[in-house]
């Protein structure tokens, strides 16, 4: 029986380190805005992260929220800019843990709104129960939402908090049944769909974050004249996350968190975040318990997170 001398054994292959050019860190962005804009904004943030950490970072925009979650679970993304419900689902699956929450105007929670075409307000089909001058509703939710009975909504994604889950929960708990929703993907697309529906061609109303109309002013400069806000919720939805794949090397994770917080601490960095596609105005460190209150809220409107796994 022949033996091989240890001196002639092939050396063990050296593992390619994550963050190297050969094995870049993948940063996945939520497909809730214009993809071209997201890619450009994400690549600018990635370049700054590379400058601060030395890691090679590539950007991707999955086709929908479910694909974003699965990218975290399959190892095809190590950083995920996950909206609230996709994050909760990814956490429950054991795919990801939160590191940071995004801020807008200093707030870490946000509201959603129901929007309709102004022509349908003018013809009496709908009533706007929101006064832009005072930034206040002029009626309670039950009154404002009753008008959507048997109407067709435009929704963003089945896992979107403001673009479907919470508004649909509001309607359901108010006993209001609508027609089947049109899934159009992305808040700007919901605004555009309502804009293009003066007679309900695509849908009768839409649900978006406040104020998603600003995302389409380049394409539709008169959007504020053509799309009316019918009702605005309280700021009850936690802002989006910056999450990290479960099991990520703690040193890499901490370096990325520190770099992102450094970006958010300068005017130049804040402009990068703002231009990234989500109008981010800052970042703050949080852990998973930050989302516990919202989990209770989802249960209160009869949404079962397990059904979205």
C-alpha atoms as a PDB file:
ATOM      1  CA  UNK A   1       0.000   0.000   0.000  1.00  0.00           C
ATOM      2  CA  UNK A   2       1.532   3.248  -1.062  1.00  0.00           C
ATOM      3  CA  UNK A   3       1.302   6.352   1.040  1.00  0.00           C
ATOM      4  CA  UNK A   4       1.729   9.980   0.160  1.00  0.00           C
ATOM      5  CA  UNK A   5       4.238  11.907   2.182  1.00  0.00           C
ATOM      6  CA  UNK A   6       2.671  14.918   3.885  1.00  0.00           C
ATOM      7  CA  UNK A   7       5.246  17.103   2.152  1.00  0.00           C
ATOM      8  CA  UNK A   8       3.677  16.178  -1.201  1.00  0.00           C
ATOM      9  CA  UNK A   9       0.000  16.712  -0.217  1.00  0.00           C
ATOM     10  CA  UNK A  10      -1.828  19.499  -2.033  1.00  0.00           C
ATOM     11  CA  UNK A  11      -2.332  22.561   0.161  1.00  0.00           C
ATOM     12  CA  UNK A  12      -5.861  23.192   1.391  1.00  0.00           C
ATOM     13  CA  UNK A  13      -7.584  25.800  -0.770  1.00  0.00           C
ATOM     14  CA  UNK A  14      -7.671  29.250   0.772  1.00  0.00           C
ATOM     15  CA  UNK A  15     -11.213  30.436   1.351  1.00  0.00           C
ATOM     16  CA  UNK A  16     -12.055  33.576  -0.588  1.00  0.00           C
ATOM     17  CA  UNK A  17     -12.997  36.242   1.975  1.00  0.00           C
ATOM     18  CA  UNK A  18     -16.431  37.844   1.810  1.00  0.00           C
ATOM     19  CA  UNK A  19     -16.118  41.431   0.674  1.00  0.00           C
ATOM     20  CA  UNK A  20     -13.240  40.743  -1.699  1.00  0.00           C
ATOM     21  CA  UNK A  21     -13.447  41.444  -5.418  1.00  0.00           C
ATOM     22  CA  UNK A  22     -13.831  37.688  -6.008  1.00  0.00           C
ATOM     23  CA  UNK A  23     -16.641  37.403  -3.427  1.00  0.00           C
ATOM     24  CA  UNK A  24     -18.399  40.767  -3.124  1.00  0.00           C
ATOM     25  CA  UNK A  25     -20.976  41.631  -0.510  1.00  0.00           C
ATOM     26  CA  UNK A  26     -24.368  41.871  -2.208  1.00  0.00           C
ATOM     27  CA  UNK A  27     -26.637  44.719  -1.121  1.00  0.00           C
ATOM     28  CA  UNK A  28     -30.279  44.112  -2.088  1.00  0.00           C
ATOM     29  CA  UNK A  29     -32.650  47.059  -2.338  1.00  0.00           C
ATOM     30  CA  UNK A  30     -36.419  46.968  -1.888  1.00  0.00           C
ATOM     31  CA  UNK A  31     -38.236  47.348  -5.241  1.00  0.00           C
ATOM     32  CA  UNK A  32     -40.558  50.055  -3.913  1.00  0.00           C
ATOM     33  CA  UNK A  33     -39.352  52.857  -6.191  1.00  0.00           C
ATOM     34  CA  UNK A  34     -38.057  53.299  -9.744  1.00  0.00           C
ATOM     35  CA  UNK A  35     -35.506  50.547 -10.431  1.00  0.00           C
ATOM     36  CA  UNK A  36     -33.141  52.719 -12.465  1.00  0.00           C
ATOM     37  CA  UNK A  37     -33.129  55.335  -9.723  1.00  0.00           C
ATOM     38  CA  UNK A  38     -32.604  52.669  -7.069  1.00  0.00           C
ATOM     39  CA  UNK A  39     -29.640  51.134  -8.878  1.00  0.00           C
ATOM     40  CA  UNK A  40     -27.973  54.517  -9.349  1.00  0.00           C
ATOM     41  CA  UNK A  41     -28.616  55.583  -5.774  1.00  0.00           C
ATOM     42  CA  UNK A  42     -27.637  52.206  -4.366  1.00  0.00           C
ATOM     43  CA  UNK A  43     -24.380  52.137  -6.293  1.00  0.00           C
ATOM     44  CA  UNK A  44     -23.463  55.576  -4.929  1.00  0.00           C
ATOM     45  CA  UNK A  45     -24.067  54.328  -1.373  1.00  0.00           C
ATOM     46  CA  UNK A  46     -22.143  51.120  -2.130  1.00  0.00           C
ATOM     47  CA  UNK A  47     -19.183  53.133  -3.437  1.00  0.00           C
ATOM     48  CA  UNK A  48     -19.095  55.151  -0.223  1.00  0.00           C
ATOM     49  CA  UNK A  49     -19.298  51.959   1.854  1.00  0.00           C
ATOM     50  CA  UNK A  50     -16.383  50.541  -0.133  1.00  0.00           C
ATOM     51  CA  UNK A  51     -14.408  53.712   0.520  1.00  0.00           C
ATOM     52  CA  UNK A  52     -15.034  53.449   4.264  1.00  0.00           C
ATOM     53  CA  UNK A  53     -14.667  49.682   4.734  1.00  0.00           C
ATOM     54  CA  UNK A  54     -12.567  48.378   1.856  1.00  0.00           C
ATOM     55  CA  UNK A  55     -15.255  45.803   1.044  1.00  0.00           C
ATOM     56  CA  UNK A  56     -16.355  45.258  -2.545  1.00  0.00           C
ATOM     57  CA  UNK A  57     -20.128  45.725  -2.645  1.00  0.00           C
ATOM     58  CA  UNK A  58     -22.525  45.024  -5.494  1.00  0.00           C
ATOM     59  CA  UNK A  59     -26.125  46.232  -5.738  1.00  0.00           C
ATOM     60  CA  UNK A  60     -29.199  44.297  -6.830  1.00  0.00           C
ATOM     61  CA  UNK A  61     -32.939  45.063  -6.932  1.00  0.00           C
ATOM     62  CA  UNK A  62     -35.059  41.881  -6.689  1.00  0.00           C
ATOM     63  CA  UNK A  63     -38.305  41.822  -8.640  1.00  0.00           C
ATOM     64  CA  UNK A  64     -40.584  41.895  -5.578  1.00  0.00           C
ATOM     65  CA  UNK A  65     -40.536  41.691  -1.794  1.00  0.00           C
ATOM     66  CA  UNK A  66     -40.777  37.892  -1.729  1.00  0.00           C
ATOM     67  CA  UNK A  67     -37.698  37.669  -3.954  1.00  0.00           C
ATOM     68  CA  UNK A  68     -35.926  40.151  -1.658  1.00  0.00           C
ATOM     69  CA  UNK A  69     -36.626  37.899   1.335  1.00  0.00           C
ATOM     70  CA  UNK A  70     -35.448  34.807  -0.495  1.00  0.00           C
ATOM     71  CA  UNK A  71     -32.249  36.579  -1.580  1.00  0.00           C
ATOM     72  CA  UNK A  72     -31.416  36.947   2.111  1.00  0.00           C
ATOM     73  CA  UNK A  73     -32.293  33.309   2.754  1.00  0.00           C
ATOM     74  CA  UNK A  74     -30.323  31.871  -0.152  1.00  0.00           C
ATOM     75  CA  UNK A  75     -27.126  33.790   0.537  1.00  0.00           C
ATOM     76  CA  UNK A  76     -27.612  35.905  -2.570  1.00  0.00           C
ATOM     77  CA  UNK A  77     -27.648  39.067  -0.445  1.00  0.00           C
ATOM     78  CA  UNK A  78     -25.831  39.958   2.748  1.00  0.00           C
ATOM     79  CA  UNK A  79     -27.321  43.443   3.214  1.00  0.00           C
ATOM     80  CA  UNK A  80     -31.040  43.991   2.696  1.00  0.00           C
ATOM     81  CA  UNK A  81     -32.876  47.306   2.720  1.00  0.00           C
ATOM     82  CA  UNK A  82     -35.994  45.498   3.877  1.00  0.00           C
ATOM     83  CA  UNK A  83     -39.341  47.188   4.467  1.00  0.00           C
ATOM     84  CA  UNK A  84     -41.032  46.356   7.754  1.00  0.00           C
ATOM     85  CA  UNK A  85     -43.161  43.309   6.931  1.00  0.00           C
ATOM     86  CA  UNK A  86     -40.597  41.676   4.622  1.00  0.00           C
ATOM     87  CA  UNK A  87     -38.091  42.151   7.455  1.00  0.00           C
ATOM     88  CA  UNK A  88     -40.414  40.515   9.992  1.00  0.00           C
ATOM     89  CA  UNK A  89     -40.966  37.579   7.639  1.00  0.00           C
ATOM     90  CA  UNK A  90     -37.230  37.261   6.953  1.00  0.00           C
ATOM     91  CA  UNK A  91     -36.532  37.358  10.693  1.00  0.00           C
ATOM     92  CA  UNK A  92     -39.141  34.681  11.448  1.00  0.00           C
ATOM     93  CA  UNK A  93     -37.600  32.494   8.746  1.00  0.00           C
ATOM     94  CA  UNK A  94     -34.188  32.922  10.360  1.00  0.00           C
ATOM     95  CA  UNK A  95     -32.814  34.718   7.298  1.00  0.00           C
ATOM     96  CA  UNK A  96     -31.982  38.170   8.636  1.00  0.00           C
ATOM     97  CA  UNK A  97     -31.627  40.425  11.658  1.00  0.00           C
ATOM     98  CA  UNK A  98     -32.089  44.183  11.737  1.00  0.00           C
ATOM     99  CA  UNK A  99     -29.186  46.557  12.266  1.00  0.00           C
ATOM    100  CA  UNK A 100     -30.584  49.994  11.464  1.00  0.00           C
ATOM    101  CA  UNK A 101     -33.902  51.737  10.932  1.00  0.00           C
ATOM    102  CA  UNK A 102     -34.268  54.544   8.418  1.00  0.00           C
ATOM    103  CA  UNK A 103     -35.409  57.995   9.516  1.00  0.00           C
ATOM    104  CA  UNK A 104     -37.477  60.585   7.685  1.00  0.00           C
ATOM    105  CA  UNK A 105     -37.769  64.062   9.151  1.00  0.00           C
ATOM    106  CA  UNK A 106     -36.293  62.609  12.323  1.00  0.00           C
ATOM    107  CA  UNK A 107     -39.122  60.073  12.701  1.00  0.00           C
ATOM    108  CA  UNK A 108     -38.798  56.280  12.742  1.00  0.00           C
ATOM    109  CA  UNK A 109     -42.507  55.581  12.024  1.00  0.00           C
ATOM    110  CA  UNK A 110     -44.615  56.718   9.091  1.00  0.00           C
ATOM    111  CA  UNK A 111     -48.186  57.010   7.867  1.00  0.00           C
ATOM    112  CA  UNK A 112     -49.980  55.764   4.786  1.00  0.00           C
ATOM    113  CA  UNK A 113     -52.668  57.401   2.694  1.00  0.00           C
ATOM    114  CA  UNK A 114     -55.519  56.587   0.370  1.00  0.00           C
ATOM    115  CA  UNK A 115     -55.379  58.438  -2.958  1.00  0.00           C
ATOM    116  CA  UNK A 116     -57.975  58.988  -5.706  1.00  0.00           C
ATOM    117  CA  UNK A 117     -58.126  60.825  -9.015  1.00  0.00           C
ATOM    118  CA  UNK A 118     -59.244  64.435  -8.628  1.00  0.00           C
ATOM    119  CA  UNK A 119     -61.741  63.971 -11.479  1.00  0.00           C
ATOM    120  CA  UNK A 120     -63.567  61.431  -9.336  1.00  0.00           C
ATOM    121  CA  UNK A 121     -63.704  63.900  -6.478  1.00  0.00           C
ATOM    122  CA  UNK A 122     -65.074  66.529  -8.837  1.00  0.00           C
ATOM    123  CA  UNK A 123     -67.820  64.206 -10.131  1.00  0.00           C
ATOM    124  CA  UNK A 124     -68.835  63.172  -6.613  1.00  0.00           C
ATOM    125  CA  UNK A 125     -67.623  59.572  -6.748  1.00  0.00           C
ATOM    126  CA  UNK A 126     -65.181  60.226  -3.907  1.00  0.00           C
ATOM    127  CA  UNK A 127     -64.652  62.821  -1.206  1.00  0.00           C
ATOM    128  CA  UNK A 128     -61.280  64.023   0.008  1.00  0.00           C
ATOM    129  CA  UNK A 129     -61.367  63.942   3.796  1.00  0.00           C
ATOM    130  CA  UNK A 130     -57.890  65.435   4.091  1.00  0.00           C
ATOM    131  CA  UNK A 131     -57.135  69.138   4.402  1.00  0.00           C
ATOM    132  CA  UNK A 132     -53.669  69.844   2.997  1.00  0.00           C
ATOM    133  CA  UNK A 133     -53.631  73.328   4.535  1.00  0.00           C
ATOM    134  CA  UNK A 134     -53.821  71.940   8.069  1.00  0.00           C
ATOM    135  CA  UNK A 135     -52.332  68.480   7.331  1.00  0.00           C
ATOM    136  CA  UNK A 136     -55.317  66.947   9.078  1.00  0.00           C
ATOM    137  CA  UNK A 137     -58.215  64.646   8.259  1.00  0.00           C
ATOM    138  CA  UNK A 138     -61.690  66.155   8.274  1.00  0.00           C
ATOM    139  CA  UNK A 139     -63.525  62.930   9.156  1.00  0.00           C
ATOM    140  CA  UNK A 140     -62.912  59.731  11.084  1.00  0.00           C
ATOM    141  CA  UNK A 141     -61.595  56.597   9.374  1.00  0.00           C
ATOM    142  CA  UNK A 142     -64.971  54.848   9.240  1.00  0.00           C
ATOM    143  CA  UNK A 143     -66.528  57.765   7.373  1.00  0.00           C
ATOM    144  CA  UNK A 144     -63.610  58.268   4.994  1.00  0.00           C
ATOM    145  CA  UNK A 145     -63.120  54.601   4.147  1.00  0.00           C
ATOM    146  CA  UNK A 146     -66.798  53.737   3.560  1.00  0.00           C
ATOM    147  CA  UNK A 147     -66.557  55.307   0.099  1.00  0.00           C
ATOM    148  CA  UNK A 148     -64.180  52.559  -1.040  1.00  0.00           C
ATOM    149  CA  UNK A 149     -66.752  49.769  -0.702  1.00  0.00           C
ATOM    150  CA  UNK A 150     -67.021  47.761  -3.941  1.00  0.00           C
ATOM    151  CA  UNK A 151     -64.242  49.849  -5.521  1.00  0.00           C
ATOM    152  CA  UNK A 152     -61.028  48.523  -7.065  1.00  0.00           C
ATOM    153  CA  UNK A 153     -57.756  49.356  -5.267  1.00  0.00           C
ATOM    154  CA  UNK A 154     -54.249  49.597  -6.669  1.00  0.00           C
ATOM    155  CA  UNK A 155     -51.780  47.905  -4.314  1.00  0.00           C
ATOM    156  CA  UNK A 156     -47.994  47.699  -4.463  1.00  0.00           C
ATOM    157  CA  UNK A 157     -47.021  44.265  -3.169  1.00  0.00           C
ATOM    158  CA  UNK A 158     -48.641  41.635  -0.885  1.00  0.00           C
ATOM    159  CA  UNK A 159     -45.877  42.237   1.675  1.00  0.00           C
ATOM    160  CA  UNK A 160     -45.984  46.047   1.636  1.00  0.00           C
ATOM    161  CA  UNK A 161     -47.078  47.613   4.925  1.00  0.00           C
ATOM    162  CA  UNK A 162     -48.304  50.942   3.538  1.00  0.00           C
ATOM    163  CA  UNK A 163     -48.986  49.709   0.019  1.00  0.00           C
ATOM    164  CA  UNK A 164     -51.309  46.882   1.050  1.00  0.00           C
ATOM    165  CA  UNK A 165     -51.253  45.175   4.438  1.00  0.00           C
ATOM    166  CA  UNK A 166     -52.204  47.950   6.847  1.00  0.00           C
ATOM    167  CA  UNK A 167     -54.619  49.829   4.535  1.00  0.00           C
ATOM    168  CA  UNK A 168     -56.330  46.541   3.664  1.00  0.00           C
ATOM    169  CA  UNK A 169     -56.490  45.796   7.385  1.00  0.00           C
ATOM    170  CA  UNK A 170     -58.131  49.169   8.003  1.00  0.00           C
ATOM    171  CA  UNK A 171     -60.744  48.379   5.367  1.00  0.00           C
ATOM    172  CA  UNK A 172     -61.361  44.841   6.622  1.00  0.00           C
ATOM    173  CA  UNK A 173     -61.762  45.812  10.265  1.00  0.00           C
ATOM    174  CA  UNK A 174     -64.173  48.556   9.168  1.00  0.00           C
ATOM    175  CA  UNK A 175     -66.257  45.914   7.382  1.00  0.00           C
ATOM    176  CA  UNK A 176     -65.557  47.388   3.965  1.00  0.00           C
ATOM    177  CA  UNK A 177     -65.260  44.942   1.098  1.00  0.00           C
ATOM    178  CA  UNK A 178     -63.501  46.092  -2.050  1.00  0.00           C
ATOM    179  CA  UNK A 179     -63.070  44.538  -5.463  1.00  0.00           C
ATOM    180  CA  UNK A 180     -59.932  42.485  -6.097  1.00  0.00           C
ATOM    181  CA  UNK A 181     -56.838  44.676  -6.052  1.00  0.00           C
ATOM    182  CA  UNK A 182     -54.563  45.438  -8.971  1.00  0.00           C
ATOM    183  CA  UNK A 183     -50.956  44.594  -8.005  1.00  0.00           C
ATOM    184  CA  UNK A 184     -48.805  47.165  -9.779  1.00  0.00           C
ATOM    185  CA  UNK A 185     -45.502  46.946  -7.799  1.00  0.00           C
ATOM    186  CA  UNK A 186     -44.028  50.073  -6.271  1.00  0.00           C
ATOM    187  CA  UNK A 187     -45.543  53.198  -4.722  1.00  0.00           C
ATOM    188  CA  UNK A 188     -44.707  55.438  -7.701  1.00  0.00           C
ATOM    189  CA  UNK A 189     -46.535  52.974  -9.944  1.00  0.00           C
ATOM    190  CA  UNK A 190     -49.622  53.139  -7.715  1.00  0.00           C
ATOM    191  CA  UNK A 191     -49.604  56.940  -8.003  1.00  0.00           C
ATOM    192  CA  UNK A 192     -49.169  56.724 -11.768  1.00  0.00           C
ATOM    193  CA  UNK A 193     -51.982  54.166 -12.013  1.00  0.00           C
ATOM    194  CA  UNK A 194     -54.401  56.433 -10.142  1.00  0.00           C
ATOM    195  CA  UNK A 195     -53.243  59.399 -12.238  1.00  0.00           C
ATOM    196  CA  UNK A 196     -54.045  57.419 -15.393  1.00  0.00           C
ATOM    197  CA  UNK A 197     -57.476  56.371 -14.087  1.00  0.00           C
ATOM    198  CA  UNK A 198     -59.770  59.429 -14.281  1.00  0.00           C
ATOM    199  CA  UNK A 199     -62.645  57.010 -14.885  1.00  0.00           C
ATOM    200  CA  UNK A 200     -61.294  54.049 -12.908  1.00  0.00           C
ATOM    201  CA  UNK A 201     -59.558  52.480 -15.907  1.00  0.00           C
ATOM    202  CA  UNK A 202     -56.858  50.746 -13.848  1.00  0.00           C
ATOM    203  CA  UNK A 203     -58.213  51.181 -10.343  1.00  0.00           C
ATOM    204  CA  UNK A 204     -60.494  53.432  -8.324  1.00  0.00           C
ATOM    205  CA  UNK A 205     -58.097  54.282  -5.511  1.00  0.00           C
ATOM    206  CA  UNK A 206     -54.597  53.499  -4.300  1.00  0.00           C
ATOM    207  CA  UNK A 207     -52.699  53.086  -1.032  1.00  0.00           C
ATOM    208  CA  UNK A 208     -49.199  54.518  -0.610  1.00  0.00           C
ATOM    209  CA  UNK A 209     -46.851  56.083   1.908  1.00  0.00           C
ATOM    210  CA  UNK A 210     -47.148  59.827   2.587  1.00  0.00           C
ATOM    211  CA  UNK A 211     -46.609  61.607   0.164  1.00  0.00           C
ATOM    212  CA  UNK A 212     -45.703  59.224  -2.651  1.00  0.00           C
ATOM    213  CA  UNK A 213     -46.846  61.743  -5.258  1.00  0.00           C
ATOM    214  CA  UNK A 214     -43.461  63.465  -4.950  1.00  0.00           C
ATOM    215  CA  UNK A 215     -41.844  60.389  -6.538  1.00  0.00           C
ATOM    216  CA  UNK A 216     -43.512  60.985  -9.927  1.00  0.00           C
ATOM    217  CA  UNK A 217     -43.363  64.761 -10.372  1.00  0.00           C
ATOM    218  CA  UNK A 218     -40.725  64.440 -13.096  1.00  0.00           C
ATOM    219  CA  UNK A 219     -43.016  62.279 -15.245  1.00  0.00           C
ATOM    220  CA  UNK A 220     -46.245  63.977 -14.155  1.00  0.00           C
ATOM    221  CA  UNK A 221     -45.606  67.613 -13.095  1.00  0.00           C
ATOM    222  CA  UNK A 222     -49.329  68.143 -12.431  1.00  0.00           C
ATOM    223  CA  UNK A 223     -49.705  65.063 -10.238  1.00  0.00           C
ATOM    224  CA  UNK A 224     -50.722  67.086  -7.164  1.00  0.00           C
ATOM    225  CA  UNK A 225     -53.589  68.575  -9.198  1.00  0.00           C
ATOM    226  CA  UNK A 226     -54.692  65.243 -10.654  1.00  0.00           C
ATOM    227  CA  UNK A 227     -54.231  62.909  -7.655  1.00  0.00           C
ATOM    228  CA  UNK A 228     -56.019  63.795  -4.421  1.00  0.00           C
ATOM    229  CA  UNK A 229     -55.374  62.502  -0.915  1.00  0.00           C
ATOM    230  CA  UNK A 230     -58.589  61.040   0.494  1.00  0.00           C
ATOM    231  CA  UNK A 231     -57.423  60.082   3.994  1.00  0.00           C
ATOM    232  CA  UNK A 232     -54.146  59.823   5.954  1.00  0.00           C
ATOM    233  CA  UNK A 233     -53.444  57.418   8.802  1.00  0.00           C
ATOM    234  CA  UNK A 234     -51.550  58.095  11.999  1.00  0.00           C
ATOM    235  CA  UNK A 235     -47.788  57.324  11.767  1.00  0.00           C
ATOM    236  CA  UNK A 236     -48.134  53.729  12.932  1.00  0.00           C
ATOM    237  CA  UNK A 237     -45.773  51.833  10.603  1.00  0.00           C
ATOM    238  CA  UNK A 238     -42.100  51.434  11.566  1.00  0.00           C
ATOM    239  CA  UNK A 239     -39.737  52.710   8.907  1.00  0.00           C
ATOM    240  CA  UNK A 240     -37.738  50.392   6.646  1.00  0.00           C
ATOM    241  CA  UNK A 241     -34.700  48.521   7.896  1.00  0.00           C
ATOM    242  CA  UNK A 242     -31.130  47.951   6.934  1.00  0.00           C
ATOM    243  CA  UNK A 243     -30.856  44.264   7.771  1.00  0.00           C
ATOM    244  CA  UNK A 244     -28.054  41.739   7.576  1.00  0.00           C
ATOM    245  CA  UNK A 245     -28.062  38.090   6.668  1.00  0.00           C
ATOM    246  CA  UNK A 246     -28.192  35.807   9.699  1.00  0.00           C
ATOM    247  CA  UNK A 247     -24.777  34.396  10.540  1.00  0.00           C
ATOM    248  CA  UNK A 248     -22.839  37.237   8.936  1.00  0.00           C
ATOM    249  CA  UNK A 249     -19.362  37.588  10.416  1.00  0.00           C
ATOM    250  CA  UNK A 250     -19.881  39.965  13.386  1.00  0.00           C
ATOM    251  CA  UNK A 251     -16.842  42.045  12.426  1.00  0.00           C
ATOM    252  CA  UNK A 252     -18.117  42.576   8.886  1.00  0.00           C
ATOM    253  CA  UNK A 253     -21.582  43.404  10.180  1.00  0.00           C
ATOM    254  CA  UNK A 254     -20.261  45.933  12.694  1.00  0.00           C
ATOM    255  CA  UNK A 255     -17.981  47.541  10.117  1.00  0.00           C
ATOM    256  CA  UNK A 256     -20.932  47.988   7.770  1.00  0.00           C
ATOM    257  CA  UNK A 257     -23.171  49.399  10.526  1.00  0.00           C
ATOM    258  CA  UNK A 258     -20.453  51.829  11.601  1.00  0.00           C
ATOM    259  CA  UNK A 259     -19.858  52.916   8.006  1.00  0.00           C
ATOM    260  CA  UNK A 260     -23.564  53.486   7.351  1.00  0.00           C
ATOM    261  CA  UNK A 261     -23.901  55.537  10.540  1.00  0.00           C
ATOM    262  CA  UNK A 262     -20.855  57.539   9.484  1.00  0.00           C
ATOM    263  CA  UNK A 263     -22.477  58.193   6.111  1.00  0.00           C
ATOM    264  CA  UNK A 264     -25.630  59.369   7.893  1.00  0.00           C
ATOM    265  CA  UNK A 265     -23.616  61.745  10.090  1.00  0.00           C
ATOM    266  CA  UNK A 266     -22.510  64.078   7.283  1.00  0.00           C
ATOM    267  CA  UNK A 267     -24.404  66.364   4.922  1.00  0.00           C
ATOM    268  CA  UNK A 268     -22.752  64.660   1.942  1.00  0.00           C
ATOM    269  CA  UNK A 269     -23.731  61.239   3.229  1.00  0.00           C
ATOM    270  CA  UNK A 270     -27.288  62.292   3.992  1.00  0.00           C
ATOM    271  CA  UNK A 271     -27.614  63.507   0.407  1.00  0.00           C
ATOM    272  CA  UNK A 272     -26.474  60.070  -0.791  1.00  0.00           C
ATOM    273  CA  UNK A 273     -29.138  58.426   1.375  1.00  0.00           C
ATOM    274  CA  UNK A 274     -31.811  60.882   0.274  1.00  0.00           C
ATOM    275  CA  UNK A 275     -30.958  60.290  -3.386  1.00  0.00           C
ATOM    276  CA  UNK A 276     -30.950  56.523  -2.904  1.00  0.00           C
ATOM    277  CA  UNK A 277     -34.596  56.215  -3.911  1.00  0.00           C
ATOM    278  CA  UNK A 278     -36.330  56.149  -0.524  1.00  0.00           C
ATOM    279  CA  UNK A 279     -35.897  59.792   0.606  1.00  0.00           C
ATOM    280  CA  UNK A 280     -33.997  58.656   3.702  1.00  0.00           C
ATOM    281  CA  UNK A 281     -33.096  61.409   6.149  1.00  0.00           C
ATOM    282  CA  UNK A 282     -30.988  59.426   8.610  1.00  0.00           C
ATOM    283  CA  UNK A 283     -30.279  56.074  10.229  1.00  0.00           C
ATOM    284  CA  UNK A 284     -30.527  54.801  13.813  1.00  0.00           C
ATOM    285  CA  UNK A 285     -29.427  51.565  15.471  1.00  0.00           C
ATOM    286  CA  UNK A 286     -32.240  49.239  16.585  1.00  0.00           C
ATOM    287  CA  UNK A 287     -32.741  45.591  17.420  1.00  0.00           C
ATOM    288  CA  UNK A 288     -35.622  43.267  16.620  1.00  0.00           C
ATOM    289  CA  UNK A 289     -37.676  44.342  19.658  1.00  0.00           C
ATOM    290  CA  UNK A 290     -38.258  47.659  17.859  1.00  0.00           C
ATOM    291  CA  UNK A 291     -40.839  45.835  15.714  1.00  0.00           C
ATOM    292  CA  UNK A 292     -42.703  44.027  18.516  1.00  0.00           C
ATOM    293  CA  UNK A 293     -45.415  46.679  18.852  1.00  0.00           C
ATOM    294  CA  UNK A 294     -46.098  46.527  15.123  1.00  0.00           C
ATOM    295  CA  UNK A 295     -46.355  42.728  15.304  1.00  0.00           C
ATOM    296  CA  UNK A 296     -49.132  43.181  17.859  1.00  0.00           C
ATOM    297  CA  UNK A 297     -50.788  45.728  15.590  1.00  0.00           C
ATOM    298  CA  UNK A 298     -50.721  43.323  12.628  1.00  0.00           C
ATOM    299  CA  UNK A 299     -52.393  40.685  14.783  1.00  0.00           C
ATOM    300  CA  UNK A 300     -55.053  43.226  15.785  1.00  0.00           C
ATOM    301  CA  UNK A 301     -56.061  43.711  12.145  1.00  0.00           C
ATOM    302  CA  UNK A 302     -56.164  39.951  11.629  1.00  0.00           C
ATOM    303  CA  UNK A 303     -52.979  39.551   9.615  1.00  0.00           C
ATOM    304  CA  UNK A 304     -51.090  36.367  10.244  1.00  0.00           C
ATOM    305  CA  UNK A 305     -47.379  36.797   9.609  1.00  0.00           C
ATOM    306  CA  UNK A 306     -47.052  33.021   9.340  1.00  0.00           C
ATOM    307  CA  UNK A 307     -49.228  33.076   6.225  1.00  0.00           C
ATOM    308  CA  UNK A 308     -46.587  35.201   4.515  1.00  0.00           C
ATOM    309  CA  UNK A 309     -43.712  32.840   5.173  1.00  0.00           C
END
